[in-house]
Amino acid sequence: MSTESVDIARRRLAQSEDAFRQCINLDPRDEYAYQGLATLHVDWARRCRDAAESAEYLAKAEALITEGLRRVRLRDGLWIVSSRIQSILGNAPEYMAALEKAASSTPGSVLAKYLLGRAYRKNGDSQKAIEILKPLLEANTEEFRACVELAWAMEEVGESYASCIAVLRLSSLYGVSDPRYVATLARWYVVYERAVFASEGGI
């Protein structure tokens, strides 16, 4: 990241990616390799000047995070890297524009759409988030983080608690292994039960 020559830096980037991939191949449950490679992609996204390339590398980082969350036990580092990505998107409108272009021009771009939907929700535009995340989830029910973002967006626009729970349950296959998914689903069950209890005349 400190090499002045971009060409040399790209070669070092490729070498670093290969080294991290070797680590993943040696032990697919080692959280360090996923976190290290995702961090590498985030740092490169911040270094390169082209917004489209930056958005591409942020999407690559999220792909690594998604892969890691399905395999490793210690997930804190992966969530930290994911929060860095959100911070970058929130402070750089040009990356958002590049993500919007990537999401619209590439129908199968799952991670770009997830990033875009999450960014919309974090920026207060939950309806736009729903428009991006709902079709994404219909085609990719295993994307449990997209499920969580969609459920929160639905709640924010006034959808029923039962609908939010139904969305979250779509990704239970991979989601139940993630504490944040489980905590979010548990929250909706508690809120839903309280609402039902109140509607039936409970105190």
C-alpha atoms as a PDB file:
ATOM      1  CA  MET A   1       0.000   0.000   0.000  1.00  0.00           C
ATOM      2  CA  SER A   2       2.983   2.332   0.474  1.00  0.00           C
ATOM      3  CA  THR A   3       4.656   1.534  -2.867  1.00  0.00           C
ATOM      4  CA  GLU A   4       4.616   4.619  -5.073  1.00  0.00           C
ATOM      5  CA  SER A   5       4.588   2.772  -8.401  1.00  0.00           C
ATOM      6  CA  VAL A   6       1.055   1.577  -9.181  1.00  0.00           C
ATOM      7  CA  ASP A   7       2.340  -1.221 -11.447  1.00  0.00           C
ATOM      8  CA  ILE A   8       4.597  -2.596  -8.726  1.00  0.00           C
ATOM      9  CA  ALA A   9       1.825  -2.190  -6.172  1.00  0.00           C
ATOM     10  CA  ARG A  10      -0.530  -4.243  -8.358  1.00  0.00           C
ATOM     11  CA  ARG A  11       2.032  -7.037  -8.575  1.00  0.00           C
ATOM     12  CA  ARG A  12       2.440  -7.010  -4.808  1.00  0.00           C
ATOM     13  CA  LEU A  13      -1.347  -7.028  -4.482  1.00  0.00           C
ATOM     14  CA  ALA A  14      -1.575 -10.161  -6.623  1.00  0.00           C
ATOM     15  CA  GLN A  15       1.184 -11.845  -4.598  1.00  0.00           C
ATOM     16  CA  SER A  16      -0.586 -10.972  -1.350  1.00  0.00           C
ATOM     17  CA  GLU A  17      -3.888 -12.322  -2.650  1.00  0.00           C
ATOM     18  CA  ASP A  18      -2.183 -15.601  -3.611  1.00  0.00           C
ATOM     19  CA  ALA A  19      -0.599 -15.890  -0.160  1.00  0.00           C
ATOM     20  CA  PHE A  20      -3.912 -15.378   1.632  1.00  0.00           C
ATOM     21  CA  ARG A  21      -5.647 -17.838  -0.685  1.00  0.00           C
ATOM     22  CA  GLN A  22      -3.007 -20.431   0.175  1.00  0.00           C
ATOM     23  CA  CYS A  23      -3.801 -19.860   3.855  1.00  0.00           C
ATOM     24  CA  ILE A  24      -7.510 -20.383   3.173  1.00  0.00           C
ATOM     25  CA  ASN A  25      -6.800 -23.580   1.234  1.00  0.00           C
ATOM     26  CA  LEU A  26      -4.652 -24.909   4.077  1.00  0.00           C
ATOM     27  CA  ASP A  27      -7.322 -24.205   6.694  1.00  0.00           C
ATOM     28  CA  PRO A  28     -10.740 -23.030   5.453  1.00  0.00           C
ATOM     29  CA  ARG A  29     -11.825 -22.364   9.060  1.00  0.00           C
ATOM     30  CA  ASP A  30      -8.987 -19.946   9.863  1.00  0.00           C
ATOM     31  CA  GLU A  31     -10.570 -16.519  10.332  1.00  0.00           C
ATOM     32  CA  TYR A  32      -7.245 -14.677   9.947  1.00  0.00           C
ATOM     33  CA  ALA A  33      -6.916 -15.492   6.242  1.00  0.00           C
ATOM     34  CA  TYR A  34     -10.415 -14.237   5.406  1.00  0.00           C
ATOM     35  CA  GLN A  35     -10.003 -11.114   7.484  1.00  0.00           C
ATOM     36  CA  GLY A  36      -6.545 -10.428   6.055  1.00  0.00           C
ATOM     37  CA  LEU A  37      -7.610 -10.804   2.442  1.00  0.00           C
ATOM     38  CA  ALA A  38     -10.785  -8.762   2.954  1.00  0.00           C
ATOM     39  CA  THR A  39      -8.713  -6.017   4.627  1.00  0.00           C
ATOM     40  CA  LEU A  40      -6.275  -6.105   1.710  1.00  0.00           C
ATOM     41  CA  HIS A  41      -9.145  -5.519  -0.721  1.00  0.00           C
ATOM     42  CA  VAL A  42     -10.543  -2.678   1.390  1.00  0.00           C
ATOM     43  CA  ASP A  43      -7.137  -0.993   1.619  1.00  0.00           C
ATOM     44  CA  TRP A  44      -6.679  -1.301  -2.129  1.00  0.00           C
ATOM     45  CA  ALA A  45     -10.137   0.157  -2.721  1.00  0.00           C
ATOM     46  CA  ARG A  46      -9.120   3.183  -0.682  1.00  0.00           C
ATOM     47  CA  ARG A  47      -5.831   3.515  -2.543  1.00  0.00           C
ATOM     48  CA  CYS A  48      -6.971   3.289  -6.160  1.00  0.00           C
ATOM     49  CA  ARG A  49      -8.343   6.431  -7.744  1.00  0.00           C
ATOM     50  CA  ASP A  50     -10.948   4.891 -10.004  1.00  0.00           C
ATOM     51  CA  ALA A  51     -14.331   4.736  -8.237  1.00  0.00           C
ATOM     52  CA  ALA A  52     -15.495   1.741 -10.275  1.00  0.00           C
ATOM     53  CA  GLU A  53     -12.397  -0.262  -9.351  1.00  0.00           C
ATOM     54  CA  SER A  54     -12.796   0.785  -5.718  1.00  0.00           C
ATOM     55  CA  ALA A  55     -16.396  -0.424  -5.711  1.00  0.00           C
ATOM     56  CA  GLU A  56     -15.276  -3.698  -7.303  1.00  0.00           C
ATOM     57  CA  TYR A  57     -12.725  -4.315  -4.553  1.00  0.00           C
ATOM     58  CA  LEU A  58     -15.188  -3.418  -1.825  1.00  0.00           C
ATOM     59  CA  ALA A  59     -17.537  -6.016  -3.309  1.00  0.00           C
ATOM     60  CA  LYS A  60     -14.660  -8.524  -3.363  1.00  0.00           C
ATOM     61  CA  ALA A  61     -14.030  -7.820   0.304  1.00  0.00           C
ATOM     62  CA  GLU A  62     -17.695  -8.423   1.135  1.00  0.00           C
ATOM     63  CA  ALA A  63     -17.566 -11.678  -0.841  1.00  0.00           C
ATOM     64  CA  LEU A  64     -14.682 -12.823   1.378  1.00  0.00           C
ATOM     65  CA  ILE A  65     -16.598 -11.781   4.479  1.00  0.00           C
ATOM     66  CA  THR A  66     -19.662 -13.726   3.350  1.00  0.00           C
ATOM     67  CA  GLU A  67     -17.520 -16.783   2.641  1.00  0.00           C
ATOM     68  CA  GLY A  68     -15.769 -16.473   5.980  1.00  0.00           C
ATOM     69  CA  LEU A  69     -18.966 -16.022   7.987  1.00  0.00           C
ATOM     70  CA  ARG A  70     -20.168 -19.365   6.675  1.00  0.00           C
ATOM     71  CA  ARG A  71     -16.996 -21.209   7.661  1.00  0.00           C
ATOM     72  CA  VAL A  72     -15.213 -19.736  10.664  1.00  0.00           C
ATOM     73  CA  ARG A  73     -16.198 -19.656  14.326  1.00  0.00           C
ATOM     74  CA  LEU A  74     -14.583 -16.386  15.403  1.00  0.00           C
ATOM     75  CA  ARG A  75     -16.373 -13.752  13.322  1.00  0.00           C
ATOM     76  CA  ASP A  76     -15.629 -10.477  15.133  1.00  0.00           C
ATOM     77  CA  GLY A  77     -12.780  -9.504  12.803  1.00  0.00           C
ATOM     78  CA  LEU A  78     -14.930 -10.076   9.731  1.00  0.00           C
ATOM     79  CA  TRP A  79     -17.699  -7.867  11.096  1.00  0.00           C
ATOM     80  CA  ILE A  80     -15.126  -5.141  11.828  1.00  0.00           C
ATOM     81  CA  VAL A  81     -13.935  -5.196   8.209  1.00  0.00           C
ATOM     82  CA  SER A  82     -17.549  -5.080   7.030  1.00  0.00           C
ATOM     83  CA  SER A  83     -18.170  -2.011   9.190  1.00  0.00           C
ATOM     84  CA  ARG A  84     -15.123  -0.342   7.602  1.00  0.00           C
ATOM     85  CA  ILE A  85     -16.674  -0.904   4.184  1.00  0.00           C
ATOM     86  CA  GLN A  86     -19.912   0.702   5.310  1.00  0.00           C
ATOM     87  CA  SER A  87     -17.965   3.679   6.673  1.00  0.00           C
ATOM     88  CA  ILE A  88     -16.143   4.120   3.361  1.00  0.00           C
ATOM     89  CA  LEU A  89     -19.375   4.006   1.373  1.00  0.00           C
ATOM     90  CA  GLY A  90     -21.033   6.485   3.695  1.00  0.00           C
ATOM     91  CA  ASN A  91     -18.236   9.015   3.234  1.00  0.00           C
ATOM     92  CA  ALA A  92     -17.642   8.666  -0.506  1.00  0.00           C
ATOM     93  CA  PRO A  93     -20.623   9.382  -2.815  1.00  0.00           C
ATOM     94  CA  GLU A  94     -18.554   8.441  -5.870  1.00  0.00           C
ATOM     95  CA  TYR A  95     -18.360   4.828  -4.605  1.00  0.00           C
ATOM     96  CA  MET A  96     -22.132   4.776  -4.252  1.00  0.00           C
ATOM     97  CA  ALA A  97     -22.497   5.899  -7.854  1.00  0.00           C
ATOM     98  CA  ALA A  98     -20.128   3.142  -8.965  1.00  0.00           C
ATOM     99  CA  LEU A  99     -22.081   0.560  -6.960  1.00  0.00           C
ATOM    100  CA  GLU A 100     -25.347   1.723  -8.488  1.00  0.00           C
ATOM    101  CA  LYS A 101     -23.847   1.302 -11.937  1.00  0.00           C
ATOM    102  CA  ALA A 102     -22.458  -2.154 -11.104  1.00  0.00           C
ATOM    103  CA  ALA A 103     -25.771  -3.295  -9.606  1.00  0.00           C
ATOM    104  CA  SER A 104     -27.778  -2.157 -12.629  1.00  0.00           C
ATOM    105  CA  SER A 105     -25.381  -3.315 -15.351  1.00  0.00           C
ATOM    106  CA  THR A 106     -24.668  -6.759 -13.886  1.00  0.00           C
ATOM    107  CA  PRO A 107     -27.873  -8.629 -12.982  1.00  0.00           C
ATOM    108  CA  GLY A 108     -25.983 -11.346 -11.073  1.00  0.00           C
ATOM    109  CA  SER A 109     -23.917  -8.961  -8.979  1.00  0.00           C
ATOM    110  CA  VAL A 110     -25.034 -10.213  -5.571  1.00  0.00           C
ATOM    111  CA  LEU A 111     -22.452  -8.457  -3.404  1.00  0.00           C
ATOM    112  CA  ALA A 112     -22.717  -5.114  -5.194  1.00  0.00           C
ATOM    113  CA  LYS A 113     -26.487  -5.173  -4.670  1.00  0.00           C
ATOM    114  CA  TYR A 114     -26.113  -6.169  -1.035  1.00  0.00           C
ATOM    115  CA  LEU A 115     -23.655  -3.322  -0.437  1.00  0.00           C
ATOM    116  CA  LEU A 116     -25.906  -0.875  -2.234  1.00  0.00           C
ATOM    117  CA  GLY A 117     -29.022  -1.975  -0.351  1.00  0.00           C
ATOM    118  CA  ARG A 118     -27.232  -1.789   2.984  1.00  0.00           C
ATOM    119  CA  ALA A 119     -25.867   1.658   2.159  1.00  0.00           C
ATOM    120  CA  TYR A 120     -29.341   2.900   1.184  1.00  0.00           C
ATOM    121  CA  ARG A 121     -30.780   1.702   4.494  1.00  0.00           C
ATOM    122  CA  LYS A 122     -27.938   3.190   6.547  1.00  0.00           C
ATOM    123  CA  ASN A 123     -28.462   6.486   4.722  1.00  0.00           C
ATOM    124  CA  GLY A 124     -32.151   6.500   5.655  1.00  0.00           C
ATOM    125  CA  ASP A 125     -33.683   5.390   2.343  1.00  0.00           C
ATOM    126  CA  SER A 126     -35.270   2.120   3.442  1.00  0.00           C
ATOM    127  CA  GLN A 127     -37.675   1.940   0.486  1.00  0.00           C
ATOM    128  CA  LYS A 128     -34.785   1.989  -1.988  1.00  0.00           C
ATOM    129  CA  ALA A 129     -33.066  -0.671   0.100  1.00  0.00           C
ATOM    130  CA  ILE A 130     -36.142  -2.893  -0.183  1.00  0.00           C
ATOM    131  CA  GLU A 131     -36.282  -2.417  -3.956  1.00  0.00           C
ATOM    132  CA  ILE A 132     -32.685  -3.631  -4.228  1.00  0.00           C
ATOM    133  CA  LEU A 133     -32.635  -6.349  -1.567  1.00  0.00           C
ATOM    134  CA  LYS A 134     -35.999  -8.048  -2.107  1.00  0.00           C
ATOM    135  CA  PRO A 135     -35.322  -9.389  -5.639  1.00  0.00           C
ATOM    136  CA  LEU A 136     -31.766 -10.211  -4.572  1.00  0.00           C
ATOM    137  CA  LEU A 137     -33.042 -12.352  -1.729  1.00  0.00           C
ATOM    138  CA  GLU A 138     -35.699 -14.039  -3.850  1.00  0.00           C
ATOM    139  CA  ALA A 139     -32.917 -15.386  -6.060  1.00  0.00           C
ATOM    140  CA  ASN A 140     -30.323 -15.965  -3.304  1.00  0.00           C
ATOM    141  CA  THR A 141     -32.004 -17.097  -0.084  1.00  0.00           C
ATOM    142  CA  GLU A 142     -28.655 -18.175   1.379  1.00  0.00           C
ATOM    143  CA  GLU A 143     -27.547 -14.534   1.697  1.00  0.00           C
ATOM    144  CA  PHE A 144     -28.485 -14.190   5.359  1.00  0.00           C
ATOM    145  CA  ARG A 145     -26.936 -10.746   5.787  1.00  0.00           C
ATOM    146  CA  ALA A 146     -29.151  -9.446   2.995  1.00  0.00           C
ATOM    147  CA  CYS A 147     -32.075 -11.016   4.890  1.00  0.00           C
ATOM    148  CA  VAL A 148     -31.221  -9.050   7.998  1.00  0.00           C
ATOM    149  CA  GLU A 149     -30.882  -5.779   6.090  1.00  0.00           C
ATOM    150  CA  LEU A 150     -34.170  -6.377   4.251  1.00  0.00           C
ATOM    151  CA  ALA A 151     -36.016  -7.189   7.477  1.00  0.00           C
ATOM    152  CA  TRP A 152     -34.791  -3.986   9.124  1.00  0.00           C
ATOM    153  CA  ALA A 153     -35.714  -1.942   6.052  1.00  0.00           C
ATOM    154  CA  MET A 154     -39.188  -3.489   6.023  1.00  0.00           C
ATOM    155  CA  GLU A 155     -39.675  -2.655   9.696  1.00  0.00           C
ATOM    156  CA  GLU A 156     -38.575   0.917   9.066  1.00  0.00           C
ATOM    157  CA  VAL A 157     -41.224   1.435   6.377  1.00  0.00           C
ATOM    158  CA  GLY A 158     -43.958  -0.051   8.569  1.00  0.00           C
ATOM    159  CA  GLU A 159     -44.185  -3.677   7.391  1.00  0.00           C
ATOM    160  CA  SER A 160     -45.676  -6.162   9.852  1.00  0.00           C
ATOM    161  CA  TYR A 161     -43.483  -8.031  12.317  1.00  0.00           C
ATOM    162  CA  ALA A 162     -44.742 -11.306  10.873  1.00  0.00           C
ATOM    163  CA  SER A 163     -43.427 -10.276   7.446  1.00  0.00           C
ATOM    164  CA  CYS A 164     -40.018  -9.387   8.910  1.00  0.00           C
ATOM    165  CA  ILE A 165     -39.822 -12.780  10.613  1.00  0.00           C
ATOM    166  CA  ALA A 166     -40.816 -14.564   7.397  1.00  0.00           C
ATOM    167  CA  VAL A 167     -38.004 -12.818   5.523  1.00  0.00           C
ATOM    168  CA  LEU A 168     -35.426 -13.740   8.145  1.00  0.00           C
ATOM    169  CA  ARG A 169     -36.493 -17.373   8.172  1.00  0.00           C
ATOM    170  CA  LEU A 170     -35.678 -17.648   4.465  1.00  0.00           C
ATOM    171  CA  SER A 171     -31.971 -17.706   5.311  1.00  0.00           C
ATOM    172  CA  SER A 172     -32.068 -19.940   8.367  1.00  0.00           C
ATOM    173  CA  LEU A 173     -29.766 -22.526   6.719  1.00  0.00           C
ATOM    174  CA  TYR A 174     -26.682 -20.328   7.080  1.00  0.00           C
ATOM    175  CA  GLY A 175     -28.089 -17.664   9.375  1.00  0.00           C
ATOM    176  CA  VAL A 176     -28.520 -19.809  12.483  1.00  0.00           C
ATOM    177  CA  SER A 177     -24.731 -20.139  12.755  1.00  0.00           C
ATOM    178  CA  ASP A 178     -24.308 -16.357  13.011  1.00  0.00           C
ATOM    179  CA  PRO A 179     -24.976 -14.616  16.374  1.00  0.00           C
ATOM    180  CA  ARG A 180     -26.204 -11.389  14.763  1.00  0.00           C
ATOM    181  CA  TYR A 181     -28.733 -13.193  12.619  1.00  0.00           C
ATOM    182  CA  VAL A 182     -29.991 -15.190  15.612  1.00  0.00           C
ATOM    183  CA  ALA A 183     -30.194 -12.076  17.794  1.00  0.00           C
ATOM    184  CA  THR A 184     -32.140 -10.191  15.125  1.00  0.00           C
ATOM    185  CA  LEU A 185     -34.578 -13.059  14.584  1.00  0.00           C
ATOM    186  CA  ALA A 186     -35.071 -13.427  18.357  1.00  0.00           C
ATOM    187  CA  ARG A 187     -35.818  -9.707  18.608  1.00  0.00           C
ATOM    188  CA  TRP A 188     -38.534  -9.921  15.969  1.00  0.00           C
ATOM    189  CA  TYR A 189     -40.121 -12.923  17.706  1.00  0.00           C
ATOM    190  CA  VAL A 190     -40.232 -11.017  21.008  1.00  0.00           C
ATOM    191  CA  VAL A 191     -41.686  -7.897  19.370  1.00  0.00           C
ATOM    192  CA  TYR A 192     -44.227  -9.992  17.447  1.00  0.00           C
ATOM    193  CA  GLU A 193     -45.353 -11.909  20.534  1.00  0.00           C
ATOM    194  CA  ARG A 194     -45.788  -8.671  22.466  1.00  0.00           C
ATOM    195  CA  ALA A 195     -47.859  -7.198  19.643  1.00  0.00           C
ATOM    196  CA  VAL A 196     -50.079 -10.299  19.521  1.00  0.00           C
ATOM    197  CA  PHE A 197     -50.456 -10.252  23.294  1.00  0.00           C
ATOM    198  CA  ALA A 198     -51.450  -6.567  23.247  1.00  0.00           C
ATOM    199  CA  SER A 199     -53.958  -7.118  20.433  1.00  0.00           C
ATOM    200  CA  GLU A 200     -55.632  -9.870  22.453  1.00  0.00           C
ATOM    201  CA  GLY A 201     -56.204  -7.544  25.391  1.00  0.00           C
ATOM    202  CA  GLY A 202     -53.039  -8.278  27.383  1.00  0.00           C
ATOM    203  CA  ILE A 203     -51.566  -5.713  29.678  1.00  0.00           C
END
